Amino acid sequence: MTADQLSQPEPSRRRVIEILLGSGLLASFASFLYPVLRYLVPPAVADLGGDEVVAAKLTDLKPNSGKIFRFGSRPGLLIMNSDGTYRALSATCTHLGCTVQYRNELREIWCACHNGIYDLNGRNVSGPPPRPLDVFDVHLRGDEIVVSRKREA
């Protein structure tokens, strides 16, 4: 060994502990800062795709039944009422974004995640959902049921 190598001390245990504690504090700070930044800079709203979609064929639904369909990148819910009329709503719960389902025996729309309940007009009846479901327009074209976004008046 040379004289220079002998005069330089090896890294001490104290230095190793300082590095470990410093990196732990830095990681803690980053984990606290990340949610704040995600709150201040929200994610971009996903495009729902087109303005209309063929949700089903006339023969797909029976009275008092529902069907989930794709409306762009999100699910939609098509319901055929007992009187033969159709209703289409967003199938994304307004609480945490779970997919809702139609319960025909109770004639209600139900979110299984936190037991949120909506009526057939999409209004929240009980549970944690903060606002109603989005309602879509339904049109019949030949043997197809076409669902489109509501036009703002």
C-alpha atoms as a PDB file:
ATOM      1  CA  MET A   1       0.000   0.000   0.000  1.00  0.00           C
ATOM      2  CA  THR A   2       1.139   3.500  -0.678  1.00  0.00           C
ATOM      3  CA  ALA A   3       1.287   6.279   1.875  1.00  0.00           C
ATOM      4  CA  ASP A   4      -1.746   8.046   0.304  1.00  0.00           C
ATOM      5  CA  GLN A   5      -3.907   4.967   0.673  1.00  0.00           C
ATOM      6  CA  LEU A   6      -2.937   4.581   4.314  1.00  0.00           C
ATOM      7  CA  SER A   7      -3.675   8.226   5.148  1.00  0.00           C
ATOM      8  CA  GLN A   8      -7.233   8.230   3.708  1.00  0.00           C
ATOM      9  CA  PRO A   9      -9.665   6.758   6.224  1.00  0.00           C
ATOM     10  CA  GLU A  10     -12.150   4.127   5.098  1.00  0.00           C
ATOM     11  CA  PRO A  11     -15.807   5.151   5.085  1.00  0.00           C
ATOM     12  CA  SER A  12     -17.011   4.913   8.624  1.00  0.00           C
ATOM     13  CA  ARG A  13     -20.192   3.351   9.870  1.00  0.00           C
ATOM     14  CA  ARG A  14     -21.431   6.811  10.723  1.00  0.00           C
ATOM     15  CA  ARG A  15     -21.232   7.863   7.058  1.00  0.00           C
ATOM     16  CA  VAL A  16     -23.184   4.778   5.957  1.00  0.00           C
ATOM     17  CA  ILE A  17     -25.918   5.537   8.519  1.00  0.00           C
ATOM     18  CA  GLU A  18     -26.025   9.185   7.391  1.00  0.00           C
ATOM     19  CA  ILE A  19     -26.519   8.062   3.796  1.00  0.00           C
ATOM     20  CA  LEU A  20     -29.291   5.622   4.772  1.00  0.00           C
ATOM     21  CA  LEU A  21     -31.108   8.187   6.930  1.00  0.00           C
ATOM     22  CA  GLY A  22     -30.749  10.893   4.302  1.00  0.00           C
ATOM     23  CA  SER A  23     -32.147   8.708   1.543  1.00  0.00           C
ATOM     24  CA  GLY A  24     -35.013   7.612   3.840  1.00  0.00           C
ATOM     25  CA  LEU A  25     -35.910  11.239   4.566  1.00  0.00           C
ATOM     26  CA  LEU A  26     -35.738  12.069   0.878  1.00  0.00           C
ATOM     27  CA  ALA A  27     -38.039   9.146   0.017  1.00  0.00           C
ATOM     28  CA  SER A  28     -40.498  10.204   2.756  1.00  0.00           C
ATOM     29  CA  PHE A  29     -40.570  13.756   1.447  1.00  0.00           C
ATOM     30  CA  ALA A  30     -41.217  12.522  -2.093  1.00  0.00           C
ATOM     31  CA  SER A  31     -44.051  10.264  -0.889  1.00  0.00           C
ATOM     32  CA  PHE A  32     -45.704  13.252   0.826  1.00  0.00           C
ATOM     33  CA  LEU A  33     -45.186  15.574  -2.129  1.00  0.00           C
ATOM     34  CA  TYR A  34     -46.513  13.213  -4.838  1.00  0.00           C
ATOM     35  CA  PRO A  35     -50.212  13.253  -3.744  1.00  0.00           C
ATOM     36  CA  VAL A  36     -50.124  17.032  -3.402  1.00  0.00           C
ATOM     37  CA  LEU A  37     -48.798  17.377  -6.952  1.00  0.00           C
ATOM     38  CA  ARG A  38     -51.404  14.893  -8.279  1.00  0.00           C
ATOM     39  CA  TYR A  39     -54.109  16.998  -6.600  1.00  0.00           C
ATOM     40  CA  LEU A  40     -52.815  20.283  -8.002  1.00  0.00           C
ATOM     41  CA  VAL A  41     -52.296  18.869 -11.515  1.00  0.00           C
ATOM     42  CA  PRO A  42     -55.290  16.591 -12.188  1.00  0.00           C
ATOM     43  CA  PRO A  43     -55.092  13.986 -14.956  1.00  0.00           C
ATOM     44  CA  ALA A  44     -56.470  14.801 -18.370  1.00  0.00           C
ATOM     45  CA  VAL A  45     -60.113  13.878 -18.869  1.00  0.00           C
ATOM     46  CA  ALA A  46     -60.399  10.775 -20.995  1.00  0.00           C
ATOM     47  CA  ASP A  47     -62.307  11.178 -24.220  1.00  0.00           C
ATOM     48  CA  LEU A  48     -65.507   9.173 -24.296  1.00  0.00           C
ATOM     49  CA  GLY A  49     -65.062   8.482 -27.981  1.00  0.00           C
ATOM     50  CA  GLY A  50     -67.788   9.262 -30.484  1.00  0.00           C
ATOM     51  CA  ASP A  51     -71.059  10.997 -29.818  1.00  0.00           C
ATOM     52  CA  GLU A  52     -73.188   7.949 -30.549  1.00  0.00           C
ATOM     53  CA  VAL A  53     -72.958   4.176 -30.497  1.00  0.00           C
ATOM     54  CA  VAL A  54     -75.140   1.205 -31.361  1.00  0.00           C
ATOM     55  CA  ALA A  55     -75.850  -0.190 -27.885  1.00  0.00           C
ATOM     56  CA  ALA A  56     -77.938  -3.234 -28.794  1.00  0.00           C
ATOM     57  CA  LYS A  57     -80.382  -4.848 -31.196  1.00  0.00           C
ATOM     58  CA  LEU A  58     -84.114  -4.650 -30.491  1.00  0.00           C
ATOM     59  CA  THR A  59     -84.149  -8.377 -29.741  1.00  0.00           C
ATOM     60  CA  ASP A  60     -81.297  -8.177 -27.165  1.00  0.00           C
ATOM     61  CA  LEU A  61     -83.406  -6.898 -24.266  1.00  0.00           C
ATOM     62  CA  LYS A  62     -86.553  -8.164 -22.609  1.00  0.00           C
ATOM     63  CA  PRO A  63     -88.920  -5.896 -20.651  1.00  0.00           C
ATOM     64  CA  ASN A  64     -87.517  -4.902 -17.234  1.00  0.00           C
ATOM     65  CA  SER A  65     -83.923  -5.819 -18.071  1.00  0.00           C
ATOM     66  CA  GLY A  66     -80.631  -4.032 -18.546  1.00  0.00           C
ATOM     67  CA  LYS A  67     -77.464  -4.414 -20.574  1.00  0.00           C
ATOM     68  CA  ILE A  68     -73.974  -2.958 -20.211  1.00  0.00           C
ATOM     69  CA  PHE A  69     -72.511  -1.582 -23.457  1.00  0.00           C
ATOM     70  CA  ARG A  70     -69.341   0.292 -24.410  1.00  0.00           C
ATOM     71  CA  PHE A  71     -69.664   4.025 -24.989  1.00  0.00           C
ATOM     72  CA  GLY A  72     -66.208   4.971 -26.199  1.00  0.00           C
ATOM     73  CA  SER A  73     -63.784   4.055 -23.419  1.00  0.00           C
ATOM     74  CA  ARG A  74     -66.429   3.859 -20.684  1.00  0.00           C
ATOM     75  CA  PRO A  75     -69.367   1.589 -19.933  1.00  0.00           C
ATOM     76  CA  GLY A  76     -72.975   2.561 -20.465  1.00  0.00           C
ATOM     77  CA  LEU A  77     -76.174   0.977 -19.165  1.00  0.00           C
ATOM     78  CA  LEU A  78     -79.182   0.416 -21.410  1.00  0.00           C
ATOM     79  CA  ILE A  79     -82.458  -0.411 -19.652  1.00  0.00           C
ATOM     80  CA  MET A  80     -85.723  -1.565 -21.184  1.00  0.00           C
ATOM     81  CA  ASN A  81     -88.540  -0.593 -18.814  1.00  0.00           C
ATOM     82  CA  SER A  82     -91.617  -2.752 -18.224  1.00  0.00           C
ATOM     83  CA  ASP A  83     -93.638  -0.562 -20.612  1.00  0.00           C
ATOM     84  CA  GLY A  84     -91.155  -1.126 -23.464  1.00  0.00           C
ATOM     85  CA  THR A  85     -89.418   2.265 -23.305  1.00  0.00           C
ATOM     86  CA  TYR A  86     -85.637   2.531 -23.233  1.00  0.00           C
ATOM     87  CA  ARG A  87     -83.352   4.517 -20.958  1.00  0.00           C
ATOM     88  CA  ALA A  88     -79.568   4.852 -21.267  1.00  0.00           C
ATOM     89  CA  LEU A  89     -77.211   6.107 -18.578  1.00  0.00           C
ATOM     90  CA  SER A  90     -73.538   6.135 -17.819  1.00  0.00           C
ATOM     91  CA  ALA A  91     -72.604   2.916 -16.025  1.00  0.00           C
ATOM     92  CA  THR A  92     -69.763   4.605 -14.137  1.00  0.00           C
ATOM     93  CA  CYS A  93     -70.608   5.316 -10.480  1.00  0.00           C
ATOM     94  CA  THR A  94     -70.033   8.942  -9.537  1.00  0.00           C
ATOM     95  CA  HIS A  95     -68.433   7.922  -6.222  1.00  0.00           C
ATOM     96  CA  LEU A  96     -65.300   5.988  -7.184  1.00  0.00           C
ATOM     97  CA  GLY A  97     -65.900   5.005 -10.793  1.00  0.00           C
ATOM     98  CA  CYS A  98     -67.071   1.414 -10.299  1.00  0.00           C
ATOM     99  CA  THR A  99     -69.397  -0.096 -12.904  1.00  0.00           C
ATOM    100  CA  VAL A 100     -73.051  -0.038 -11.829  1.00  0.00           C
ATOM    101  CA  GLN A 101     -75.620  -2.683 -12.678  1.00  0.00           C
ATOM    102  CA  TYR A 102     -79.375  -2.833 -13.114  1.00  0.00           C
ATOM    103  CA  ARG A 103     -81.270  -4.892 -10.519  1.00  0.00           C
ATOM    104  CA  ASN A 104     -84.525  -5.813 -12.259  1.00  0.00           C
ATOM    105  CA  GLU A 105     -86.240  -7.291  -9.173  1.00  0.00           C
ATOM    106  CA  LEU A 106     -85.907  -3.942  -7.340  1.00  0.00           C
ATOM    107  CA  ARG A 107     -86.039  -1.723 -10.449  1.00  0.00           C
ATOM    108  CA  GLU A 108     -82.964   0.225  -9.371  1.00  0.00           C
ATOM    109  CA  ILE A 109     -79.391   0.821 -10.436  1.00  0.00           C
ATOM    110  CA  TRP A 110     -76.874  -0.445  -7.910  1.00  0.00           C
ATOM    111  CA  CYS A 111     -73.158   0.057  -7.363  1.00  0.00           C
ATOM    112  CA  ALA A 112     -71.673  -2.959  -5.617  1.00  0.00           C
ATOM    113  CA  CYS A 113     -68.507  -1.164  -4.461  1.00  0.00           C
ATOM    114  CA  HIS A 114     -70.101   0.855  -1.643  1.00  0.00           C
ATOM    115  CA  ASN A 115     -73.807   0.008  -1.971  1.00  0.00           C
ATOM    116  CA  GLY A 116     -74.747   3.154  -3.869  1.00  0.00           C
ATOM    117  CA  ILE A 117     -78.275   3.154  -5.282  1.00  0.00           C
ATOM    118  CA  TYR A 118     -79.695   5.223  -8.157  1.00  0.00           C
ATOM    119  CA  ASP A 119     -83.249   5.403  -9.478  1.00  0.00           C
ATOM    120  CA  LEU A 120     -84.068   4.729 -13.142  1.00  0.00           C
ATOM    121  CA  ASN A 121     -83.548   8.418 -13.961  1.00  0.00           C
ATOM    122  CA  GLY A 122     -79.972   8.223 -12.676  1.00  0.00           C
ATOM    123  CA  ARG A 123     -80.601  10.237  -9.485  1.00  0.00           C
ATOM    124  CA  ASN A 124     -78.740   8.985  -6.417  1.00  0.00           C
ATOM    125  CA  VAL A 125     -81.140   7.553  -3.853  1.00  0.00           C
ATOM    126  CA  SER A 126     -78.797   6.331  -1.134  1.00  0.00           C
ATOM    127  CA  GLY A 127     -75.174   5.552  -0.412  1.00  0.00           C
ATOM    128  CA  PRO A 128     -72.057   7.607  -1.035  1.00  0.00           C
ATOM    129  CA  PRO A 129     -72.477   8.735  -4.693  1.00  0.00           C
ATOM    130  CA  PRO A 130     -72.183  12.541  -4.706  1.00  0.00           C
ATOM    131  CA  ARG A 131     -74.108  13.227  -7.921  1.00  0.00           C
ATOM    132  CA  PRO A 132     -76.451  11.544 -10.423  1.00  0.00           C
ATOM    133  CA  LEU A 133     -75.415   9.381 -13.352  1.00  0.00           C
ATOM    134  CA  ASP A 134     -75.096  10.985 -16.779  1.00  0.00           C
ATOM    135  CA  VAL A 135     -78.196  10.352 -18.901  1.00  0.00           C
ATOM    136  CA  PHE A 136     -77.940   9.613 -22.639  1.00  0.00           C
ATOM    137  CA  ASP A 137     -80.481   9.905 -25.458  1.00  0.00           C
ATOM    138  CA  VAL A 138     -81.897   6.715 -26.962  1.00  0.00           C
ATOM    139  CA  HIS A 139     -83.036   6.413 -30.597  1.00  0.00           C
ATOM    140  CA  LEU A 140     -84.365   3.452 -32.544  1.00  0.00           C
ATOM    141  CA  ARG A 141     -82.993   2.996 -36.075  1.00  0.00           C
ATOM    142  CA  GLY A 142     -84.353  -0.036 -37.810  1.00  0.00           C
ATOM    143  CA  ASP A 143     -83.566  -2.976 -35.556  1.00  0.00           C
ATOM    144  CA  GLU A 144     -80.804  -1.124 -33.669  1.00  0.00           C
ATOM    145  CA  ILE A 145     -80.891   0.850 -30.425  1.00  0.00           C
ATOM    146  CA  VAL A 146     -78.607   3.874 -30.806  1.00  0.00           C
ATOM    147  CA  VAL A 147     -77.400   5.793 -27.758  1.00  0.00           C
ATOM    148  CA  SER A 148     -76.010   9.311 -28.031  1.00  0.00           C
ATOM    149  CA  ARG A 149     -74.849  12.035 -25.685  1.00  0.00           C
ATOM    150  CA  LYS A 150     -77.503  14.529 -24.646  1.00  0.00           C
ATOM    151  CA  ARG A 151     -77.373  17.732 -26.625  1.00  0.00           C
ATOM    152  CA  GLU A 152     -77.076  20.892 -24.537  1.00  0.00           C
ATOM    153  CA  ALA A 153     -79.988  23.222 -25.222  1.00  0.00           C
END
